[in-house]
N, C-alpha and C. Protein backbone atom coordinates (compact mmCIF):
# COMPACT_ATOMS: atom_id res chain seq x y z
N MET A 1 84.12 95.90 84.84
CA MET A 1 84.76 95.06 85.81
C MET A 1 84.92 95.88 87.09
N GLY A 2 84.59 95.27 88.19
CA GLY A 2 84.66 95.97 89.46
C GLY A 2 86.06 95.99 90.04
N ARG A 3 86.14 96.53 91.23
CA ARG A 3 87.42 96.67 91.89
C ARG A 3 88.05 95.30 92.19
N PHE A 4 87.22 94.34 92.60
CA PHE A 4 87.75 93.01 92.90
C PHE A 4 88.28 92.32 91.64
N GLY A 5 87.53 92.44 90.55
CA GLY A 5 87.97 91.83 89.29
C GLY A 5 89.27 92.42 88.79
N GLN A 6 89.39 93.73 88.89
CA GLN A 6 90.63 94.37 88.46
C GLN A 6 91.81 93.94 89.33
N SER A 7 91.59 93.83 90.62
CA SER A 7 92.69 93.44 91.50
C SER A 7 93.13 92.00 91.21
N VAL A 8 92.18 91.12 90.88
CA VAL A 8 92.54 89.74 90.54
C VAL A 8 93.32 89.69 89.23
N VAL A 9 92.89 90.49 88.25
CA VAL A 9 93.59 90.51 86.96
C VAL A 9 95.00 91.08 87.13
N TYR A 10 95.12 92.22 87.81
CA TYR A 10 96.44 92.81 88.00
C TYR A 10 97.34 91.89 88.82
N GLY A 11 96.79 91.29 89.87
CA GLY A 11 97.58 90.35 90.66
C GLY A 11 98.03 89.17 89.83
N GLY A 12 97.15 88.69 88.94
CA GLY A 12 97.52 87.57 88.07
C GLY A 12 98.60 87.94 87.07
N LEU A 13 98.52 89.14 86.52
CA LEU A 13 99.54 89.57 85.56
C LEU A 13 100.91 89.70 86.22
N PHE A 14 100.94 90.35 87.38
CA PHE A 14 102.22 90.48 88.08
C PHE A 14 102.75 89.12 88.51
N THR A 15 101.86 88.26 88.99
CA THR A 15 102.27 86.91 89.41
C THR A 15 102.82 86.13 88.22
N PHE A 16 102.18 86.26 87.07
CA PHE A 16 102.64 85.53 85.89
C PHE A 16 104.08 85.88 85.55
N TRP A 17 104.39 87.18 85.52
CA TRP A 17 105.74 87.58 85.16
C TRP A 17 106.76 87.18 86.22
N ILE A 18 106.39 87.31 87.48
CA ILE A 18 107.31 86.91 88.55
C ILE A 18 107.54 85.40 88.51
N MET A 19 106.46 84.65 88.29
CA MET A 19 106.57 83.19 88.31
C MET A 19 107.31 82.65 87.09
N CYS A 20 107.27 83.36 85.99
CA CYS A 20 108.07 82.92 84.83
C CYS A 20 109.55 82.87 85.19
N PHE A 21 110.04 83.91 85.84
CA PHE A 21 111.44 83.94 86.24
C PHE A 21 111.71 82.95 87.37
N TYR A 22 110.82 82.90 88.34
CA TYR A 22 111.02 81.99 89.48
C TYR A 22 111.04 80.54 89.02
N PHE A 23 110.09 80.18 88.19
CA PHE A 23 110.01 78.80 87.71
C PHE A 23 111.23 78.45 86.86
N GLY A 24 111.61 79.35 85.98
CA GLY A 24 112.76 79.09 85.12
C GLY A 24 114.04 78.90 85.91
N PHE A 25 114.30 79.80 86.86
CA PHE A 25 115.52 79.69 87.64
C PHE A 25 115.51 78.46 88.55
N SER A 26 114.36 78.16 89.15
CA SER A 26 114.32 77.01 90.05
C SER A 26 114.47 75.69 89.29
N VAL A 27 113.85 75.58 88.13
CA VAL A 27 113.99 74.35 87.35
C VAL A 27 115.42 74.20 86.83
N LEU A 28 116.00 75.29 86.36
CA LEU A 28 117.37 75.21 85.87
C LEU A 28 118.34 74.83 86.98
N SER A 29 118.19 75.45 88.14
CA SER A 29 119.13 75.14 89.23
C SER A 29 118.93 73.72 89.73
N THR A 30 117.69 73.22 89.73
CA THR A 30 117.43 71.85 90.18
C THR A 30 117.90 70.84 89.15
N ALA A 31 117.70 71.13 87.88
CA ALA A 31 118.10 70.20 86.83
C ALA A 31 119.62 70.04 86.78
N PHE A 32 120.35 71.11 87.03
CA PHE A 32 121.81 71.01 87.02
C PHE A 32 122.32 70.17 88.18
N LYS A 33 121.59 70.16 89.29
CA LYS A 33 122.00 69.38 90.45
C LYS A 33 121.52 67.93 90.36
N GLY A 34 120.65 67.63 89.40
CA GLY A 34 120.12 66.28 89.26
C GLY A 34 118.96 66.01 90.19
N GLY A 35 118.24 67.06 90.59
CA GLY A 35 117.11 66.90 91.52
C GLY A 35 115.81 66.60 90.80
N ASP A 36 114.74 66.55 91.57
CA ASP A 36 113.41 66.24 91.04
C ASP A 36 112.78 67.51 90.49
N VAL A 37 112.74 67.64 89.19
CA VAL A 37 112.21 68.84 88.54
C VAL A 37 110.71 68.95 88.73
N VAL A 38 110.00 67.82 88.76
CA VAL A 38 108.54 67.85 88.91
C VAL A 38 108.15 68.40 90.28
N ALA A 39 108.88 68.03 91.31
CA ALA A 39 108.60 68.55 92.66
C ALA A 39 108.82 70.05 92.72
N VAL A 40 109.87 70.51 92.07
CA VAL A 40 110.14 71.95 92.04
C VAL A 40 109.06 72.68 91.27
N ALA A 41 108.58 72.08 90.19
CA ALA A 41 107.50 72.70 89.41
C ALA A 41 106.23 72.79 90.25
N GLY A 42 105.91 71.75 91.01
CA GLY A 42 104.74 71.78 91.89
C GLY A 42 104.87 72.83 92.96
N GLN A 43 106.05 72.95 93.52
CA GLN A 43 106.29 73.98 94.53
C GLN A 43 106.16 75.37 93.90
N SER A 44 106.63 75.54 92.70
CA SER A 44 106.53 76.83 92.02
C SER A 44 105.08 77.21 91.78
N VAL A 45 104.26 76.24 91.42
CA VAL A 45 102.84 76.53 91.19
C VAL A 45 102.17 76.93 92.50
N LEU A 46 102.50 76.24 93.59
CA LEU A 46 101.93 76.58 94.89
C LEU A 46 102.35 77.99 95.32
N VAL A 47 103.62 78.30 95.14
CA VAL A 47 104.10 79.65 95.46
C VAL A 47 103.39 80.68 94.59
N GLY A 48 103.14 80.34 93.34
CA GLY A 48 102.44 81.26 92.43
C GLY A 48 101.03 81.55 92.89
N PHE A 49 100.30 80.52 93.34
CA PHE A 49 98.93 80.75 93.82
C PHE A 49 98.92 81.62 95.08
N VAL A 50 99.85 81.37 95.98
CA VAL A 50 99.93 82.18 97.20
C VAL A 50 100.27 83.63 96.84
N LEU A 51 101.21 83.80 95.93
CA LEU A 51 101.59 85.15 95.50
C LEU A 51 100.44 85.84 94.80
N TRP A 52 99.68 85.13 94.00
CA TRP A 52 98.52 85.69 93.31
C TRP A 52 97.47 86.16 94.31
N PHE A 53 97.19 85.34 95.32
CA PHE A 53 96.24 85.72 96.36
C PHE A 53 96.72 86.97 97.10
N PHE A 54 97.99 86.99 97.47
CA PHE A 54 98.54 88.12 98.21
C PHE A 54 98.51 89.40 97.38
N LEU A 55 98.94 89.33 96.13
CA LEU A 55 98.95 90.53 95.29
C LEU A 55 97.54 91.01 94.97
N SER A 56 96.59 90.09 94.82
CA SER A 56 95.21 90.50 94.58
C SER A 56 94.68 91.28 95.78
N PHE A 57 94.99 90.83 96.98
CA PHE A 57 94.58 91.55 98.19
C PHE A 57 95.24 92.92 98.26
N VAL A 58 96.52 92.99 97.95
CA VAL A 58 97.24 94.26 97.99
C VAL A 58 96.66 95.24 96.97
N PHE A 59 96.40 94.78 95.75
CA PHE A 59 95.84 95.67 94.73
C PHE A 59 94.42 96.09 95.07
N TYR A 60 93.63 95.21 95.68
CA TYR A 60 92.26 95.56 96.09
C TYR A 60 92.30 96.66 97.14
N ASP A 61 93.19 96.50 98.12
CA ASP A 61 93.33 97.51 99.17
C ASP A 61 93.88 98.81 98.62
N LEU A 62 94.82 98.73 97.70
CA LEU A 62 95.40 99.93 97.09
C LEU A 62 94.36 100.70 96.28
N GLN A 63 93.52 99.99 95.54
CA GLN A 63 92.48 100.66 94.76
C GLN A 63 91.47 101.34 95.68
N GLY A 64 91.14 100.70 96.80
CA GLY A 64 90.23 101.33 97.77
C GLY A 64 90.83 102.58 98.36
N TRP A 65 92.13 102.55 98.67
CA TRP A 65 92.79 103.72 99.22
C TRP A 65 92.80 104.86 98.20
N ILE A 66 93.06 104.54 96.93
CA ILE A 66 93.09 105.57 95.89
C ILE A 66 91.71 106.17 95.69
N GLU A 67 90.67 105.33 95.67
CA GLU A 67 89.31 105.84 95.51
C GLU A 67 88.92 106.73 96.68
N GLU A 68 89.30 106.35 97.89
CA GLU A 68 88.98 107.15 99.07
C GLU A 68 89.73 108.48 99.03
N ARG A 69 90.95 108.45 98.56
CA ARG A 69 91.76 109.67 98.51
C ARG A 69 91.27 110.64 97.43
N ASN A 70 90.74 110.12 96.34
CA ASN A 70 90.29 110.97 95.24
C ASN A 70 88.84 111.39 95.36
N LYS A 71 88.19 111.03 96.46
CA LYS A 71 86.80 111.42 96.66
C LYS A 71 86.72 112.93 96.86
N PRO A 72 85.71 113.59 96.29
CA PRO A 72 85.60 115.04 96.51
C PRO A 72 85.35 115.34 97.99
N ARG A 73 86.01 116.35 98.47
CA ARG A 73 85.89 116.69 99.89
C ARG A 73 84.64 117.53 100.12
N GLU A 74 84.08 117.38 101.32
CA GLU A 74 82.91 118.16 101.71
C GLU A 74 83.32 119.62 101.91
N ALA A 75 82.45 120.51 101.51
CA ALA A 75 82.73 121.93 101.70
C ALA A 75 82.57 122.28 103.17
N ASP A 76 83.41 123.17 103.65
CA ASP A 76 83.32 123.61 105.03
C ASP A 76 82.06 124.44 105.21
N ASP A 77 81.34 124.23 106.31
CA ASP A 77 80.07 124.93 106.53
C ASP A 77 80.26 126.44 106.60
N ARG A 78 81.35 126.89 107.20
CA ARG A 78 81.55 128.33 107.32
C ARG A 78 81.76 128.99 105.96
N ARG A 79 82.39 128.30 105.07
CA ARG A 79 82.67 128.88 103.76
C ARG A 79 81.48 128.76 102.82
N SER A 80 80.63 127.76 103.06
CA SER A 80 79.53 127.55 102.13
C SER A 80 78.28 128.34 102.50
N SER A 81 78.29 128.99 103.65
CA SER A 81 77.12 129.76 104.05
C SER A 81 77.02 131.02 103.21
N SER A 82 75.87 131.22 102.60
CA SER A 82 75.71 132.37 101.71
C SER A 82 75.16 133.60 102.45
N ASP A 83 74.76 133.44 103.69
CA ASP A 83 74.20 134.56 104.45
C ASP A 83 75.34 135.38 105.05
N PRO A 84 75.54 136.63 104.61
CA PRO A 84 76.66 137.42 105.13
C PRO A 84 76.48 137.82 106.59
N ASP A 85 75.25 137.79 107.10
CA ASP A 85 75.01 138.18 108.48
C ASP A 85 75.02 137.00 109.45
N SER A 86 75.32 135.83 108.98
CA SER A 86 75.35 134.67 109.88
C SER A 86 76.54 134.79 110.82
N PRO A 87 76.44 134.20 112.02
CA PRO A 87 77.54 134.31 112.98
C PRO A 87 78.85 133.73 112.46
N GLU A 88 78.76 132.70 111.61
CA GLU A 88 79.98 132.12 111.07
C GLU A 88 80.73 133.10 110.18
N ASN A 89 79.99 133.93 109.44
CA ASN A 89 80.63 134.89 108.54
C ASN A 89 80.97 136.21 109.23
N GLN A 90 80.54 136.39 110.47
CA GLN A 90 80.84 137.62 111.20
C GLN A 90 82.14 137.52 112.00
N ARG A 91 82.73 136.36 112.06
CA ARG A 91 83.98 136.21 112.81
C ARG A 91 85.08 137.05 112.18
N GLY A 92 85.79 137.72 113.04
CA GLY A 92 86.91 138.51 112.57
C GLY A 92 86.53 139.92 112.13
N ARG A 93 85.25 140.22 112.05
CA ARG A 93 84.82 141.57 111.67
C ARG A 93 84.61 142.38 112.94
N HIS A 94 85.17 143.55 112.97
CA HIS A 94 84.99 144.44 114.12
C HIS A 94 84.31 145.70 113.63
N ILE A 95 83.18 145.97 114.23
CA ILE A 95 82.43 147.17 113.85
C ILE A 95 82.70 148.22 114.92
N ASP A 96 83.35 149.30 114.53
CA ASP A 96 83.68 150.35 115.49
C ASP A 96 82.48 151.24 115.73
N GLY A 97 82.34 151.65 116.98
CA GLY A 97 81.30 152.60 117.33
C GLY A 97 79.98 151.95 117.68
N LEU A 98 79.86 150.67 117.69
CA LEU A 98 78.59 150.04 118.08
C LEU A 98 78.70 149.32 119.38
């Protein structure tokens, strides 16, 4: 599964748990007031889809940032030069008497 698939799955899992509490509390509070429970359920589903989309985007961006951060860094040219007489490796050396 690629980065996009993982972000959709993780976003869906987090959304599911958040929406369980949101839906439960909103239906309970509406039912006690004598309101329209079906309208609240529809609103909860809409909020869930928006939250799923948002969290999927956040997780996709977060995974990209982590992959970029964990990428091996390029070696510095001065340190990777194997020629001891190259000008890069001669910096800081002082030869007396020449």
